[in-house]
N, C-alpha and C. Protein backbone atom coordinates (compact mmCIF):
# COMPACT_ATOMS: atom_id res chain seq x y z
N UNK A 1 223.21 191.34 39.63
CA UNK A 1 224.65 190.65 39.39
C UNK A 1 224.59 189.53 38.32
N UNK A 2 225.51 189.30 37.61
CA UNK A 2 225.76 188.40 36.55
C UNK A 2 225.93 187.19 37.30
N UNK A 3 224.89 186.27 37.48
CA UNK A 3 225.09 184.94 38.33
C UNK A 3 226.32 184.22 37.64
N UNK A 4 226.36 184.03 36.38
CA UNK A 4 227.44 183.15 35.83
C UNK A 4 228.77 183.71 36.06
N UNK A 5 229.06 184.96 35.99
CA UNK A 5 230.32 185.36 36.00
C UNK A 5 230.65 185.43 37.58
N UNK A 6 229.65 185.52 38.52
CA UNK A 6 229.98 185.68 39.87
C UNK A 6 230.61 184.21 40.33
N UNK A 7 229.82 183.26 39.79
CA UNK A 7 230.25 181.75 40.30
C UNK A 7 231.38 181.44 39.73
N UNK A 8 231.71 181.78 38.30
CA UNK A 8 232.91 181.32 37.76
C UNK A 8 234.16 181.92 38.40
N UNK A 9 234.14 183.30 38.73
CA UNK A 9 235.23 183.79 39.35
C UNK A 9 235.45 183.30 40.70
N UNK A 10 234.31 183.03 41.56
CA UNK A 10 234.63 182.40 42.65
C UNK A 10 235.00 180.85 42.95
N UNK A 11 234.62 180.12 41.68
CA UNK A 11 234.94 178.58 41.86
C UNK A 11 236.26 178.12 40.98
N UNK A 12 236.71 179.06 40.29
CA UNK A 12 237.96 179.10 39.49
C UNK A 12 239.14 178.79 40.49
N UNK A 13 238.80 179.28 41.89
CA UNK A 13 239.90 179.21 42.92
C UNK A 13 239.84 177.78 43.23
N UNK A 14 239.02 177.01 43.11
CA UNK A 14 238.98 175.46 43.46
C UNK A 14 239.41 174.17 42.35
N UNK A 15 239.76 174.96 41.17
CA UNK A 15 240.09 174.13 39.98
C UNK A 15 241.26 173.28 40.62
N UNK A 16 242.13 173.82 41.42
CA UNK A 16 243.29 172.99 41.98
C UNK A 16 242.77 172.51 43.51
N UNK A 17 241.67 171.92 43.69
CA UNK A 17 241.41 171.38 44.92
C UNK A 17 242.16 169.99 45.16
N UNK A 18 243.37 170.02 45.72
CA UNK A 18 244.06 169.21 45.98
C UNK A 18 245.11 169.03 47.17
N UNK A 19 246.27 168.40 46.94
CA UNK A 19 247.14 168.48 48.00
C UNK A 19 247.87 169.91 47.57
N UNK A 20 248.18 170.75 48.74
CA UNK A 20 248.80 172.02 48.39
C UNK A 20 250.02 171.93 47.35
N UNK A 21 250.76 170.93 47.80
CA UNK A 21 252.16 170.76 47.01
C UNK A 21 251.85 170.39 45.65
N UNK A 22 250.60 169.94 45.26
CA UNK A 22 250.52 169.40 43.72
C UNK A 22 250.01 170.52 42.95
N UNK A 23 249.65 171.93 43.58
CA UNK A 23 249.10 172.83 42.64
C UNK A 23 249.89 173.23 41.64
N UNK A 24 249.89 173.31 40.33
CA UNK A 24 250.55 173.59 39.26
C UNK A 24 249.92 174.03 38.18
N UNK A 25 250.08 174.66 37.17
CA UNK A 25 249.55 175.31 35.90
C UNK A 25 249.29 174.19 35.07
N UNK A 26 250.10 172.86 35.07
CA UNK A 26 249.88 172.00 34.22
C UNK A 26 248.46 171.12 34.49
N UNK A 27 247.96 171.31 35.79
CA UNK A 27 246.81 170.70 35.93
C UNK A 27 245.42 171.08 35.17
N UNK A 28 245.66 172.24 35.16
CA UNK A 28 244.47 173.05 34.27
C UNK A 28 244.77 172.41 32.77
N UNK A 29 245.96 172.58 32.25
CA UNK A 29 246.20 172.10 30.96
C UNK A 29 245.72 170.55 30.73
N UNK A 30 246.11 169.74 31.64
CA UNK A 30 245.61 168.35 31.61
C UNK A 30 244.08 168.26 31.51
N UNK A 31 243.28 169.23 32.24
CA UNK A 31 241.85 169.12 32.17
C UNK A 31 241.31 169.53 30.82
N UNK A 32 242.05 170.66 29.98
CA UNK A 32 241.72 170.80 28.84
C UNK A 32 242.12 169.57 27.69
N UNK A 33 243.14 169.12 27.96
CA UNK A 33 243.58 167.84 27.12
C UNK A 33 242.71 166.87 27.26
N UNK A 34 242.20 166.49 28.41
CA UNK A 34 241.05 165.39 28.82
C UNK A 34 239.87 165.71 28.19
N UNK A 35 239.39 167.00 28.02
CA UNK A 35 238.22 167.38 27.75
C UNK A 35 237.10 167.04 28.74
N UNK A 36 237.44 166.83 29.74
CA UNK A 36 236.74 166.64 31.05
C UNK A 36 237.20 167.23 32.29
N UNK A 37 236.22 167.81 33.11
CA UNK A 37 236.70 168.11 34.45
C UNK A 37 236.00 167.10 35.31
N UNK A 38 237.02 166.48 36.38
CA UNK A 38 236.42 165.41 37.22
C UNK A 38 236.02 166.09 38.31
N UNK A 39 234.80 166.14 38.90
CA UNK A 39 234.09 166.69 40.08
C UNK A 39 233.83 165.55 41.05
N UNK A 40 234.54 165.63 42.15
CA UNK A 40 234.18 164.69 43.26
C UNK A 40 233.11 165.31 44.14
N UNK A 41 231.95 164.14 44.21
CA UNK A 41 230.85 164.68 45.06
C UNK A 41 230.10 163.49 45.80
N UNK A 42 229.56 164.02 47.06
CA UNK A 42 228.93 162.78 47.67
C UNK A 42 227.50 162.58 47.04
N UNK A 43 227.08 163.49 46.58
CA UNK A 43 225.73 163.34 45.97
C UNK A 43 224.49 162.88 46.89
N UNK A 44 224.87 163.52 48.33
CA UNK A 44 223.90 162.91 49.22
C UNK A 44 223.64 164.30 50.09
N UNK A 45 223.53 165.33 49.77
CA UNK A 45 223.31 166.61 50.53
C UNK A 45 222.44 167.47 49.76
N UNK A 46 221.08 167.57 49.84
CA UNK A 46 220.30 168.54 49.41
C UNK A 46 220.21 169.64 50.19
N UNK A 47 220.26 170.83 49.66
CA UNK A 47 220.05 171.21 48.06
C UNK A 47 221.34 171.41 47.42
N UNK A 48 222.38 171.13 47.76
CA UNK A 48 223.88 171.17 47.33
C UNK A 48 224.21 170.24 46.16
N UNK A 49 224.29 168.81 46.38
CA UNK A 49 224.54 168.04 45.45
C UNK A 49 223.90 166.80 45.87
N UNK A 50 222.74 166.32 44.89
CA UNK A 50 222.15 165.18 45.14
C UNK A 50 221.85 164.26 44.02
N UNK A 51 222.13 162.97 44.09
CA UNK A 51 222.16 161.90 42.92
C UNK A 51 220.75 161.50 43.05
N UNK A 52 219.90 161.99 41.82
CA UNK A 52 218.62 161.39 41.71
C UNK A 52 218.48 160.05 41.12
N UNK A 53 218.08 159.02 41.85
CA UNK A 53 218.28 157.81 41.20
C UNK A 53 217.25 157.43 40.20
N UNK A 54 216.00 158.20 40.10
CA UNK A 54 215.06 158.16 39.02
C UNK A 54 215.62 158.59 37.88
N UNK A 55 216.31 159.47 37.82
CA UNK A 55 216.77 160.38 36.45
C UNK A 55 218.42 159.82 36.24
N UNK A 56 219.09 159.39 37.19
CA UNK A 56 220.44 159.15 37.03
C UNK A 56 221.25 160.39 36.80
N UNK A 57 220.86 161.47 37.24
CA UNK A 57 221.51 162.68 37.21
C UNK A 57 221.68 163.41 38.60
N UNK A 58 222.92 164.24 38.59
CA UNK A 58 223.17 164.97 39.84
C UNK A 58 222.22 166.30 39.84
N UNK A 59 221.85 166.73 40.88
CA UNK A 59 220.84 167.73 41.00
C UNK A 59 221.23 168.83 42.05
N UNK A 60 220.95 169.95 42.26
CA UNK A 60 221.13 170.98 43.10
C UNK A 60 222.13 172.11 43.12
N UNK A 61 222.33 172.93 43.76
CA UNK A 61 223.17 174.24 43.62
C UNK A 61 224.46 173.83 43.20
N UNK A 62 225.29 172.70 43.73
CA UNK A 62 226.43 172.54 43.37
C UNK A 62 226.47 171.76 41.88
N UNK A 63 225.55 171.24 41.50
CA UNK A 63 225.26 170.44 40.20
C UNK A 63 225.40 171.52 39.11
N UNK A 64 224.36 172.72 39.44
CA UNK A 64 224.46 173.92 38.66
C UNK A 64 225.51 174.61 38.23
N UNK A 65 226.51 174.76 39.57
CA UNK A 65 227.77 175.47 39.63
C UNK A 65 228.80 174.45 38.85
N UNK A 66 228.70 173.22 38.76
CA UNK A 66 229.50 172.40 38.18
C UNK A 66 229.40 172.55 36.55
N UNK A 67 228.06 172.93 36.22
CA UNK A 67 227.84 173.03 34.69
C UNK A 67 228.42 174.40 34.29
N UNK A 68 228.39 175.29 35.07
CA UNK A 68 228.97 176.63 34.87
C UNK A 68 230.42 176.69 34.71
N UNK A 69 231.01 175.74 35.65
CA UNK A 69 232.60 175.63 35.53
C UNK A 69 232.83 175.05 34.20
N UNK A 70 232.42 173.75 33.80
CA UNK A 70 232.62 173.02 32.73
C UNK A 70 232.45 173.80 31.61
N UNK A 71 231.43 174.79 31.41
CA UNK A 71 231.02 175.62 30.19
C UNK A 71 232.20 176.52 30.18
N UNK A 72 232.53 177.26 31.39
CA UNK A 72 233.73 178.23 31.22
C UNK A 72 234.96 177.79 30.62
N UNK A 73 235.23 176.41 30.91
CA UNK A 73 236.36 175.75 30.60
C UNK A 73 236.45 174.98 29.15
N UNK A 74 235.17 174.89 28.57
CA UNK A 74 234.84 174.36 27.36
C UNK A 74 235.13 172.81 27.40
N UNK A 75 234.68 172.31 28.71
CA UNK A 75 234.84 170.82 28.59
C UNK A 75 233.48 170.17 29.51
N UNK A 76 233.46 168.90 29.26
CA UNK A 76 232.16 168.13 30.13
C UNK A 76 232.60 167.65 31.35
N UNK A 77 231.54 167.38 31.98
CA UNK A 77 231.57 167.17 33.60
C UNK A 77 231.66 165.29 33.45
N UNK A 78 232.69 165.08 34.52
CA UNK A 78 232.90 163.79 34.65
C UNK A 78 232.63 163.71 36.38
N UNK A 79 231.66 163.03 36.79
CA UNK A 79 231.30 162.97 38.26
C UNK A 79 232.12 161.92 38.79
N UNK A 80 232.58 162.10 39.91
CA UNK A 80 233.34 160.85 40.51
C UNK A 80 232.64 160.82 42.09
N UNK A 81 232.09 159.55 42.39
CA UNK A 81 231.35 159.49 43.68
C UNK A 81 232.48 159.54 44.67
N UNK A 82 232.31 160.33 45.90
CA UNK A 82 233.01 159.91 46.94
C UNK A 82 232.22 159.96 48.20
N UNK A 83 232.82 159.91 49.37
CA UNK A 83 232.05 159.97 50.85
C UNK A 83 232.60 160.91 51.68
N UNK A 84 231.76 161.40 52.70
CA UNK A 84 232.42 162.56 53.53
C UNK A 84 233.62 161.96 54.19
N UNK A 85 233.65 160.61 54.48
CA UNK A 85 234.71 159.95 55.15
C UNK A 85 235.90 159.76 54.39
N UNK A 86 235.79 159.66 53.19
CA UNK A 86 237.10 159.74 52.14
C UNK A 86 237.26 161.04 51.30
N UNK A 87 236.44 161.93 51.56
CA UNK A 87 236.62 163.00 50.85
C UNK A 87 237.85 163.78 50.82
N UNK A 88 238.45 164.05 51.72
CA UNK A 88 239.78 164.65 51.82
C UNK A 88 240.91 163.69 51.24
N UNK A 89 240.97 162.47 51.57
CA UNK A 89 242.01 161.57 51.09
C UNK A 89 241.84 161.39 49.53
N UNK A 90 240.58 161.26 49.12
CA UNK A 90 240.30 161.11 47.50
C UNK A 90 240.64 162.24 46.96
N UNK A 91 240.65 163.43 47.34
CA UNK A 91 241.05 164.38 46.85
C UNK A 91 242.67 164.58 46.77
N UNK A 92 243.28 164.13 47.82
CA UNK A 92 244.79 164.30 47.86
C UNK A 92 245.19 163.18 46.89
N UNK A 93 244.65 162.04 46.69
CA UNK A 93 244.90 160.95 45.68
C UNK A 93 244.71 161.43 44.32
N UNK A 94 244.09 162.51 44.10
CA UNK A 94 243.98 162.83 42.70
C UNK A 94 243.01 162.25 41.88
N UNK A 95 241.88 161.77 42.61
CA UNK A 95 240.74 161.10 41.97
C UNK A 95 239.68 161.82 41.29
N UNK A 96 240.08 163.03 41.50
CA UNK A 96 239.11 164.05 41.08
C UNK A 96 239.89 165.65 40.89
N UNK A 97 239.47 166.42 40.07
CA UNK A 97 240.03 167.70 40.06
C UNK A 97 239.48 168.73 41.09
N UNK A 98 238.19 168.65 41.38
CA UNK A 98 237.80 169.61 42.32
C UNK A 98 236.73 168.59 43.12
N UNK A 99 236.35 169.12 44.37
CA UNK A 99 235.26 168.32 45.11
C UNK A 99 234.17 169.42 45.35
N UNK A 100 233.03 169.24 45.00
CA UNK A 100 232.09 170.03 45.00
C UNK A 100 230.84 169.46 45.57
N UNK A 101 230.36 169.75 46.68
CA UNK A 101 229.15 169.04 47.50
C UNK A 101 228.67 169.91 48.63
N UNK A 102 228.64 171.03 48.74
CA UNK A 102 228.60 172.00 49.88
C UNK A 102 229.42 171.60 51.10
N UNK A 103 230.67 171.62 50.79
CA UNK A 103 231.78 171.18 51.79
C UNK A 103 232.25 172.43 52.62
N UNK A 104 231.88 172.04 54.04
CA UNK A 104 232.24 173.28 55.05
C UNK A 104 233.71 173.29 55.19
N UNK A 105 234.00 174.65 55.44
CA UNK A 105 235.38 174.95 55.63
C UNK A 105 235.81 174.51 56.99
N UNK A 106 236.70 173.79 57.30
CA UNK A 106 237.24 173.87 58.60
C UNK A 106 238.75 173.36 58.78
N UNK A 107 239.50 173.68 59.85
CA UNK A 107 240.90 173.55 59.86
C UNK A 107 241.61 172.38 59.30
N UNK A 108 240.90 171.07 59.52
CA UNK A 108 241.61 169.93 59.25
C UNK A 108 241.65 169.94 57.58
N UNK A 109 240.62 170.40 57.09
CA UNK A 109 240.72 170.43 55.37
C UNK A 109 241.57 171.46 55.11
N UNK A 110 241.56 172.69 55.67
CA UNK A 110 242.58 173.60 55.21
C UNK A 110 244.13 173.56 55.38
N UNK A 111 244.48 172.70 56.37
CA UNK A 111 245.76 172.25 56.39
C UNK A 111 246.45 171.41 55.09
N UNK A 112 245.41 170.87 54.50
CA UNK A 112 246.04 169.93 53.33
C UNK A 112 245.44 170.41 52.06
N UNK A 113 244.45 170.96 52.01
CA UNK A 113 243.65 171.25 50.66
C UNK A 113 243.59 172.93 50.43
N UNK A 114 243.66 173.10 49.17
CA UNK A 114 243.07 174.32 48.65
C UNK A 114 241.60 174.45 48.73
N UNK A 115 241.01 175.54 49.24
CA UNK A 115 239.85 175.77 49.35
C UNK A 115 239.30 177.05 48.65
N UNK A 116 238.29 177.08 48.06
CA UNK A 116 237.54 178.24 47.56
C UNK A 116 237.32 179.26 48.74
N UNK A 117 236.85 180.65 48.30
CA UNK A 117 236.14 181.28 49.03
C UNK A 117 234.59 180.90 49.14
N UNK A 118 233.77 181.27 49.99
CA UNK A 118 232.43 180.96 50.15
C UNK A 118 231.84 181.35 48.99
N UNK A 119 230.82 180.54 48.25
CA UNK A 119 230.13 181.12 47.18
C UNK A 119 228.53 181.13 47.21
N UNK A 120 228.14 181.36 48.51
CA UNK A 120 226.70 181.52 48.73
C UNK A 120 226.70 182.81 49.60
N UNK A 121 225.55 183.26 49.69
CA UNK A 121 225.15 184.62 50.71
C UNK A 121 224.16 184.11 51.62
N UNK A 122 224.63 184.47 53.08
CA UNK A 122 223.78 184.05 54.24
C UNK A 122 224.32 183.46 55.23
N UNK A 123 223.57 182.98 56.11
CA UNK A 123 224.21 182.53 57.33
C UNK A 123 223.62 181.28 57.67
N UNK A 124 224.49 180.26 57.80
CA UNK A 124 223.91 178.75 58.14
C UNK A 124 224.72 178.18 59.30
N UNK A 125 224.05 176.93 59.72
CA UNK A 125 224.75 176.47 60.91
C UNK A 125 224.34 175.07 61.38
N UNK A 126 224.76 174.49 62.36
CA UNK A 126 224.28 172.98 62.91
C UNK A 126 222.97 173.24 63.43
N UNK A 127 222.13 172.38 63.07
CA UNK A 127 220.76 172.09 63.73
C UNK A 127 220.25 170.86 63.61
N UNK A 128 219.23 170.54 63.87
CA UNK A 128 218.43 169.42 63.89
C UNK A 128 217.28 169.02 63.30
N UNK A 129 216.91 167.90 62.79
CA UNK A 129 215.63 167.28 62.20
C UNK A 129 215.12 166.36 63.23
N UNK A 130 213.89 166.32 63.53
CA UNK A 130 213.26 165.40 64.22
C UNK A 130 211.83 165.06 63.64
N UNK A 131 211.17 164.23 64.22
CA UNK A 131 209.68 164.28 63.95
C UNK A 131 208.89 165.25 64.62
N UNK A 132 207.84 165.80 63.59
CA UNK A 132 207.23 166.88 64.09
C UNK A 132 206.56 166.56 65.50
N UNK A 133 206.26 165.40 65.53
CA UNK A 133 205.57 164.85 66.94
C UNK A 133 206.26 165.20 68.18
N UNK A 134 207.75 165.31 67.75
CA UNK A 134 208.67 165.30 68.97
C UNK A 134 209.23 166.92 69.07
N UNK A 135 208.82 167.65 68.10
CA UNK A 135 209.45 169.09 67.88
C UNK A 135 209.63 169.75 69.36
N UNK A 136 208.29 169.72 70.10
CA UNK A 136 208.63 170.46 71.37
C UNK A 136 209.54 170.04 72.43
N UNK A 137 209.97 168.80 72.27
CA UNK A 137 210.92 168.20 73.13
C UNK A 137 212.18 168.80 73.01
N UNK A 138 212.64 169.21 72.01
CA UNK A 138 213.87 169.58 71.88
C UNK A 138 214.22 171.05 71.57
N UNK A 139 214.70 171.69 72.59
CA UNK A 139 214.75 173.20 72.61
C UNK A 139 216.44 173.76 72.61
N UNK A 140 217.03 172.78 73.32
CA UNK A 140 218.38 172.92 73.62
C UNK A 140 219.31 171.78 73.37
N UNK A 141 220.63 171.94 73.15
CA UNK A 141 221.37 170.69 73.40
C UNK A 141 221.32 169.71 74.27
N UNK A 142 221.00 170.40 75.67
CA UNK A 142 220.73 169.43 76.74
C UNK A 142 219.51 168.67 76.61
N UNK A 143 218.54 169.15 75.92
CA UNK A 143 217.18 168.22 75.75
C UNK A 143 217.55 167.11 74.84
N UNK A 144 218.50 167.26 73.95
CA UNK A 144 219.10 166.30 72.92
C UNK A 144 219.88 165.31 73.61
N UNK A 145 220.95 165.74 74.48
CA UNK A 145 222.12 164.92 75.07
C UNK A 145 221.49 164.21 76.17
N UNK A 146 220.52 163.34 75.98
CA UNK A 146 220.21 162.42 77.12
C UNK A 146 220.10 160.67 76.54
N UNK A 147 220.15 159.93 77.63
CA UNK A 147 220.55 158.58 77.06
C UNK A 147 219.45 157.94 76.28
N UNK A 148 218.31 158.36 76.41
CA UNK A 148 217.21 157.61 75.80
C UNK A 148 217.01 158.32 74.28
N UNK A 149 217.75 159.29 73.97
CA UNK A 149 217.75 159.99 72.52
C UNK A 149 218.77 159.32 71.72
N UNK A 150 218.22 158.93 70.62
CA UNK A 150 218.85 158.06 69.58
C UNK A 150 219.35 159.43 68.28
N UNK A 151 220.44 159.62 68.15
CA UNK A 151 221.26 160.61 67.34
C UNK A 151 221.72 160.04 66.07
N UNK A 152 221.09 160.28 64.82
CA UNK A 152 221.83 159.54 63.57
C UNK A 152 222.77 160.52 62.96
N UNK A 153 224.02 159.73 62.75
CA UNK A 153 225.12 160.88 62.02
C UNK A 153 225.75 160.03 60.85
N UNK A 154 226.23 160.79 59.75
CA UNK A 154 226.82 160.20 58.90
C UNK A 154 228.21 160.31 59.14
N UNK A 155 229.07 159.18 58.96
CA UNK A 155 230.62 159.17 59.24
C UNK A 155 231.18 160.33 58.41
N UNK A 156 232.49 161.05 58.70
CA UNK A 156 233.33 161.72 57.97
C UNK A 156 233.07 163.05 57.87
N UNK A 157 232.00 163.65 58.20
CA UNK A 157 231.70 164.97 57.91
C UNK A 157 231.68 166.03 59.19
N UNK A 158 231.40 167.02 59.06
CA UNK A 158 231.48 167.93 60.27
C UNK A 158 230.39 167.67 61.17
N UNK A 159 229.32 167.18 60.77
CA UNK A 159 227.96 166.72 61.58
C UNK A 159 228.26 165.77 62.54
N UNK A 160 229.23 164.78 62.05
CA UNK A 160 229.53 163.83 63.07
C UNK A 160 230.69 164.29 64.02
N UNK A 161 231.42 165.14 63.68
CA UNK A 161 232.40 165.85 64.68
C UNK A 161 231.58 166.60 65.71
N UNK A 162 230.64 167.38 65.31
CA UNK A 162 229.92 168.05 66.20
C UNK A 162 229.17 167.18 67.28
N UNK A 163 228.57 166.13 66.65
CA UNK A 163 227.77 165.29 67.67
C UNK A 163 228.65 164.73 68.70
N UNK A 164 229.93 164.29 68.10
CA UNK A 164 230.77 163.76 68.96
C UNK A 164 231.29 164.79 70.23
N UNK A 165 231.55 165.98 69.59
CA UNK A 165 232.10 167.10 70.59
C UNK A 165 231.00 167.50 71.66
N UNK A 166 229.66 167.47 71.24
CA UNK A 166 228.49 168.15 71.97
C UNK A 166 227.73 167.21 72.71
N UNK A 167 227.73 165.88 72.29
CA UNK A 167 226.62 165.13 72.83
C UNK A 167 227.39 163.84 73.59
N UNK A 168 227.56 163.89 74.83
CA UNK A 168 228.17 162.89 75.53
C UNK A 168 227.40 161.65 76.10
N UNK A 169 226.03 162.03 76.27
CA UNK A 169 225.25 161.09 76.70
C UNK A 169 223.89 160.32 75.82
N UNK A 170 223.84 161.09 74.74
CA UNK A 170 222.77 160.52 73.69
C UNK A 170 223.57 159.41 73.05
N UNK A 171 222.68 158.52 72.49
CA UNK A 171 222.99 157.40 71.76
C UNK A 171 223.41 157.76 70.35
N UNK A 172 224.54 157.59 70.02
CA UNK A 172 224.81 158.00 68.63
C UNK A 172 224.87 156.79 67.46
N UNK A 173 224.34 156.83 66.52
CA UNK A 173 224.15 155.64 65.69
C UNK A 173 224.70 156.33 64.11
N UNK A 174 225.64 155.50 63.89
CA UNK A 174 226.42 155.90 62.61
C UNK A 174 225.53 155.36 61.56
N UNK A 175 225.30 155.86 60.50
CA UNK A 175 224.36 155.39 59.31
C UNK A 175 225.19 156.01 58.01
N UNK A 176 225.50 155.10 57.33
CA UNK A 176 226.61 155.34 55.99
C UNK A 176 225.85 156.24 54.96
N UNK A 177 224.34 156.18 54.86
CA UNK A 177 224.00 157.01 53.79
C UNK A 177 223.25 158.13 54.29
N UNK A 178 223.87 159.17 54.06
CA UNK A 178 223.47 160.66 54.50
C UNK A 178 222.06 160.90 54.13
N UNK A 179 221.86 160.71 52.77
CA UNK A 179 220.64 161.16 52.22
C UNK A 179 219.32 160.31 52.73
N UNK A 180 219.60 159.20 53.22
CA UNK A 180 218.69 158.27 53.65
C UNK A 180 218.36 158.64 55.14
N UNK A 181 219.21 159.29 56.01
CA UNK A 181 219.15 159.65 57.44
C UNK A 181 217.65 160.41 57.85
N UNK A 182 217.37 161.32 56.97
CA UNK A 182 215.91 161.90 57.25
C UNK A 182 214.79 160.96 57.22
N UNK A 183 214.73 160.12 56.26
CA UNK A 183 213.73 158.82 56.47
C UNK A 183 213.84 158.03 57.68
N UNK A 184 215.12 157.64 58.15
CA UNK A 184 215.27 156.83 59.19
C UNK A 184 214.68 157.63 60.44
N UNK A 185 214.62 158.98 60.55
CA UNK A 185 214.31 159.81 61.57
C UNK A 185 212.64 159.65 61.31
N UNK A 186 212.17 159.92 60.27
CA UNK A 186 210.69 159.92 60.00
C UNK A 186 209.96 158.72 60.42
N UNK A 187 210.73 157.39 60.02
CA UNK A 187 210.04 156.32 60.67
C UNK A 187 210.28 155.73 61.91
N UNK A 188 211.17 156.50 62.54
CA UNK A 188 211.31 156.28 64.07
C UNK A 188 212.39 155.29 64.48
N UNK A 189 213.54 155.12 63.40
CA UNK A 189 214.74 154.46 63.88
C UNK A 189 215.65 155.26 64.46
N UNK A 190 215.56 156.66 64.47
CA UNK A 190 216.30 157.24 65.46
C UNK A 190 215.38 158.65 65.64
N UNK A 191 215.79 159.60 66.52
CA UNK A 191 215.07 160.60 66.98
C UNK A 191 215.33 161.99 66.45
N UNK A 192 216.96 162.05 65.96
CA UNK A 192 217.47 163.34 65.75
C UNK A 192 218.56 163.07 64.77
N UNK A 193 218.51 164.04 63.69
CA UNK A 193 219.62 164.21 62.81
C UNK A 193 220.41 165.29 62.79
N UNK A 194 221.66 165.24 63.19
CA UNK A 194 222.45 166.81 63.09
C UNK A 194 222.59 166.99 61.72
N UNK A 195 222.49 168.07 61.35
CA UNK A 195 222.38 168.69 59.77
C UNK A 195 222.85 170.18 59.82
N UNK A 196 222.68 170.59 58.64
CA UNK A 196 222.99 172.00 58.40
C UNK A 196 221.39 172.69 58.06
N UNK A 197 221.49 174.07 58.54
CA UNK A 197 220.10 174.64 58.36
C UNK A 197 219.50 174.57 56.73
N UNK A 198 220.60 174.73 55.91
CA UNK A 198 220.20 174.71 54.56
C UNK A 198 219.61 173.37 54.09
N UNK A 199 220.05 172.37 54.65
CA UNK A 199 219.56 170.79 54.16
C UNK A 199 218.50 170.66 55.06
N UNK A 200 218.26 171.16 56.28
CA UNK A 200 216.92 170.99 57.05
C UNK A 200 215.73 171.59 56.25
N UNK A 201 216.04 172.59 55.85
CA UNK A 201 215.05 173.38 55.09
C UNK A 201 214.31 172.62 54.08
N UNK A 202 215.20 172.03 53.41
CA UNK A 202 214.68 171.02 52.17
C UNK A 202 213.79 169.95 52.74
N UNK A 203 214.54 169.13 53.83
CA UNK A 203 213.81 167.73 54.18
C UNK A 203 212.62 168.05 54.84
N UNK A 204 212.33 169.40 55.48
CA UNK A 204 210.87 169.49 56.05
C UNK A 204 209.85 169.70 54.93
N UNK A 205 210.58 170.13 53.80
CA UNK A 205 209.47 170.45 52.64
C UNK A 205 209.11 169.21 52.13
N UNK A 206 210.09 168.44 52.01
CA UNK A 206 209.94 166.89 51.17
C UNK A 206 209.09 165.83 52.20
N UNK A 207 209.39 166.02 53.62
CA UNK A 207 208.61 165.22 54.26
C UNK A 207 207.81 165.84 55.55
N UNK A 208 206.46 165.73 55.41
CA UNK A 208 205.78 166.55 56.32
C UNK A 208 205.93 165.95 57.75
N UNK A 209 206.42 164.83 57.82
CA UNK A 209 206.62 164.25 58.99
C UNK A 209 207.67 164.81 60.09
N UNK A 210 208.51 165.57 59.27
CA UNK A 210 209.74 165.99 59.77
C UNK A 210 209.60 167.50 60.34
N UNK A 211 210.36 167.90 61.23
CA UNK A 211 210.40 169.31 61.78
C UNK A 211 211.85 169.63 62.01
N UNK A 212 212.13 171.05 62.08
CA UNK A 212 213.50 171.51 62.50
C UNK A 212 213.08 172.67 63.28
N UNK A 213 212.87 172.23 64.63
CA UNK A 213 212.42 173.28 65.54
C UNK A 213 213.50 174.34 65.94
N UNK A 214 214.65 174.14 65.64
CA UNK A 214 215.76 175.09 65.94
C UNK A 214 216.38 175.69 64.77
N UNK A 215 215.72 175.76 63.88
CA UNK A 215 216.25 176.30 62.52
C UNK A 215 216.74 177.53 62.36
N UNK A 216 215.86 178.48 63.32
CA UNK A 216 216.17 179.92 63.35
C UNK A 216 217.16 180.17 64.46
N UNK A 217 217.56 179.15 65.18
CA UNK A 217 218.43 179.51 66.39
C UNK A 217 219.64 178.23 66.21
N UNK A 218 220.45 178.19 65.16
CA UNK A 218 221.33 177.09 65.00
C UNK A 218 222.46 177.13 66.21
N UNK A 219 223.07 176.09 66.41
CA UNK A 219 224.09 175.89 67.24
C UNK A 219 225.45 176.49 66.81
N UNK A 220 225.53 176.59 65.81
CA UNK A 220 226.80 177.33 65.17
C UNK A 220 226.45 178.27 64.21
N UNK A 221 227.15 179.14 63.70
CA UNK A 221 226.84 180.18 62.64
C UNK A 221 228.15 180.31 61.71
N UNK A 222 227.92 180.34 60.38
CA UNK A 222 228.89 180.73 59.70
C UNK A 222 228.42 181.13 58.22
N UNK A 223 229.30 181.87 57.68
CA UNK A 223 228.88 182.47 56.38
C UNK A 223 229.22 181.61 55.22
N UNK A 224 228.56 181.55 54.29
CA UNK A 224 228.95 180.44 53.15
C UNK A 224 228.48 181.11 51.63
């Protein structure tokens, strides 16, 4: 498969990721005239889009796709930071041309935004990160949903929605910086992080103190 051709054809569908009412051909012309494509990203989701503070660069699958899109249009990338909580509104407000940071498809977003088809291959879903020493404790949602279990979540995304919908007894702790939650779990400031399998796989490689005991049995399943 021609990697570049595949991703360009898939991602041209989200050049107009904004309010459905605002989709028009002039938007693409505006990008050409400007010479840059503004890409909204949270920069906190390994391995999709991650801002490396040491290099000052965005890294990950979506960072590489961003380069492909920009090259296909003959323009440069202008990254615009956003958060999961503000992602949809920032898109509607036109702060960027597309949002690209491992965004899950859900009804709330599809009601108001244009979304591309999935551009990865495989099955992923909601799972957990915990300390390796606690891995045997957590085999089901019931094991997690206990008053003594501290679950750390980032506001605004589907992980937070999943936690609120499924965990009625566990202590939910909102933490604004998604990329720092695995470390907070590792040092014991919380017990569980609700995350995606693709993100969990990377963090257990980065931090040997972490485990993802349910990674092969995610709570939800979706193609991406």
